[in-house]
Amino acid sequence: MSYTTKDWSQAITKLIQLTSNGTLTWQFTTDYTEDTWEVVDRAFSAAYNNSRYVVKAIRKKNYIDEDEFYWVSDAKLEIYKSPSIMQGEVLISSSPETPVTGRLLSAVEASFAYQQGALSGLLDD
């Protein structure tokens, strides 16, 4: 048995809600699993219910032929857990490609910008 795309969409929507209401606090991170087929532009991490969630802005090469390619931007969600006290975190799952992951990345970036005071000093008279 495995999770469906609908399950992933519901779970990611829950992360968007938790981000929007301030329950989740996201931090910039470089602690994630590398994939040889993608480039990570930026990544954010948040802890919730004994899991660590990492949402990444990625680029992947889409090949036209053997030598020619173009970049495709996407978002990816990874879930990490510690299986035991003695072991470190391990990647337990990655989201499938779904538009809702991009919406999560947008919500996380907006929340992070607000936490960092991106517009402070610009909105004051």
Protein backbone atom coordinates (compact mmCIF):
# COMPACT_ATOMS: atom_id res chain seq x y z
CA MET A 1 0.00 0.00 0.00
CA SER A 2 1.21 3.52 -0.72
CA TYR A 3 -0.02 7.09 -0.60
CA THR A 4 -2.01 8.44 -3.52
CA THR A 5 -1.58 11.79 -5.21
CA LYS A 6 -4.78 12.86 -3.43
CA ASP A 7 -3.22 11.92 -0.05
CA TRP A 8 -0.13 13.99 -0.89
CA SER A 9 -2.27 16.95 -1.97
CA GLN A 10 -4.24 16.85 1.30
CA ALA A 11 -1.07 16.61 3.39
CA ILE A 12 0.65 19.44 1.52
CA THR A 13 -2.49 21.57 1.80
CA LYS A 14 -2.34 20.99 5.58
CA LEU A 15 1.29 22.24 5.56
CA ILE A 16 0.15 25.34 3.66
CA GLN A 17 -2.55 25.97 6.30
CA LEU A 18 -0.08 25.47 9.16
CA THR A 19 2.33 27.86 7.46
CA SER A 20 -0.33 30.48 6.78
CA ASN A 21 -1.60 30.53 10.36
CA GLY A 22 1.95 30.69 11.78
CA THR A 23 2.02 27.23 13.38
CA LEU A 24 5.00 26.22 11.26
CA THR A 25 8.15 28.33 11.24
CA TRP A 26 10.39 27.67 8.26
CA GLN A 27 14.13 28.25 8.22
CA PHE A 28 16.53 28.37 5.30
CA THR A 29 18.44 25.07 5.14
CA THR A 30 21.16 23.23 3.27
CA ASP A 31 20.42 19.99 5.13
CA TYR A 32 18.63 17.85 2.56
CA THR A 33 19.22 14.90 0.25
CA GLU A 34 21.10 15.67 -2.95
CA ASP A 35 19.88 14.27 -6.26
CA THR A 36 22.25 14.04 -9.21
CA TRP A 37 19.45 14.92 -11.65
CA GLU A 38 18.44 18.20 -10.05
CA VAL A 39 19.89 21.50 -8.85
CA VAL A 40 18.53 22.98 -5.63
CA ASP A 41 18.12 26.75 -5.82
CA ARG A 42 16.89 27.18 -2.24
CA ALA A 43 15.37 25.04 0.51
CA PHE A 44 13.43 25.60 3.72
CA SER A 45 12.90 23.30 6.69
CA ALA A 46 10.28 23.05 9.46
CA ALA A 47 9.67 20.54 12.24
CA TYR A 48 6.19 19.23 13.02
CA ASN A 49 4.89 16.06 14.75
CA ASN A 50 8.30 14.39 15.08
CA SER A 51 9.09 14.92 11.40
CA ARG A 52 11.20 17.44 9.56
CA TYR A 53 9.77 18.77 6.32
CA VAL A 54 12.00 20.25 3.64
CA VAL A 55 10.53 22.09 0.66
CA LYS A 56 12.97 22.80 -2.16
CA ALA A 57 12.95 24.96 -5.28
CA ILE A 58 14.66 22.78 -7.86
CA ARG A 59 15.67 22.79 -11.50
CA LYS A 60 15.94 19.69 -13.66
CA LYS A 61 17.43 19.24 -17.09
CA ASN A 62 14.91 18.25 -19.73
CA TYR A 63 16.80 16.80 -22.69
CA ILE A 64 15.73 17.51 -26.26
CA ASP A 65 18.43 15.24 -27.63
CA GLU A 66 21.78 13.86 -26.50
CA ASP A 67 23.49 17.26 -26.15
CA GLU A 68 20.71 19.81 -25.98
CA PHE A 69 18.56 20.48 -22.91
CA TYR A 70 16.58 23.17 -21.13
CA TRP A 71 15.90 23.75 -17.44
CA VAL A 72 12.52 23.00 -15.87
CA SER A 73 11.71 24.56 -12.48
CA ASP A 74 9.74 22.65 -9.90
CA ALA A 75 9.17 22.27 -6.16
CA LYS A 76 9.77 19.16 -4.09
CA LEU A 77 8.79 18.17 -0.55
CA GLU A 78 10.89 15.73 1.48
CA ILE A 79 10.01 14.21 4.84
CA TYR A 80 12.70 13.16 7.32
CA LYS A 81 12.40 11.17 10.56
CA SER A 82 14.72 9.65 13.12
CA PRO A 83 13.92 5.93 13.29
CA SER A 84 15.54 5.64 16.72
CA ILE A 85 17.36 7.74 19.28
CA MET A 86 20.68 6.22 18.21
CA GLN A 87 20.25 7.01 14.51
CA GLY A 88 20.21 10.34 12.76
CA GLU A 89 17.50 11.52 10.45
CA VAL A 90 16.69 9.61 7.31
CA LEU A 91 14.65 10.59 4.29
CA ILE A 92 11.46 8.56 4.50
CA SER A 93 9.51 10.03 1.59
CA SER A 94 9.45 12.57 -1.23
CA SER A 95 6.36 14.06 -2.79
CA PRO A 96 5.35 13.22 -6.32
CA GLU A 97 5.24 16.06 -8.85
CA THR A 98 2.06 17.99 -8.09
CA PRO A 99 1.10 21.68 -8.46
CA VAL A 100 0.22 21.98 -4.77
CA THR A 101 3.92 21.57 -3.87
CA GLY A 102 4.67 24.78 -5.77
CA ARG A 103 1.95 26.53 -3.76
CA LEU A 104 3.57 25.29 -0.55
CA LEU A 105 6.92 26.70 -1.67
CA SER A 106 5.27 30.06 -2.40
CA ALA A 107 3.59 30.11 1.02
CA VAL A 108 6.86 29.17 2.74
CA GLU A 109 8.81 31.88 0.89
CA ALA A 110 6.19 34.51 1.78
CA SER A 111 6.21 33.42 5.43
CA PHE A 112 10.01 33.41 5.56
CA ALA A 113 10.19 36.89 3.99
CA TYR A 114 7.72 38.18 6.59
CA GLN A 115 9.66 36.55 9.47
CA GLN A 116 12.84 38.16 8.19
CA GLY A 117 11.19 41.58 7.91
CA ALA A 118 11.79 41.87 4.18
CA LEU A 119 9.69 45.05 3.94
CA SER A 120 10.60 46.56 7.31
CA GLY A 121 11.63 50.14 6.94
CA LEU A 122 9.84 50.40 3.60
CA LEU A 123 6.29 50.46 4.92
CA ASP A 124 6.86 53.05 7.64
CA ASP A 125 6.14 56.74 6.95
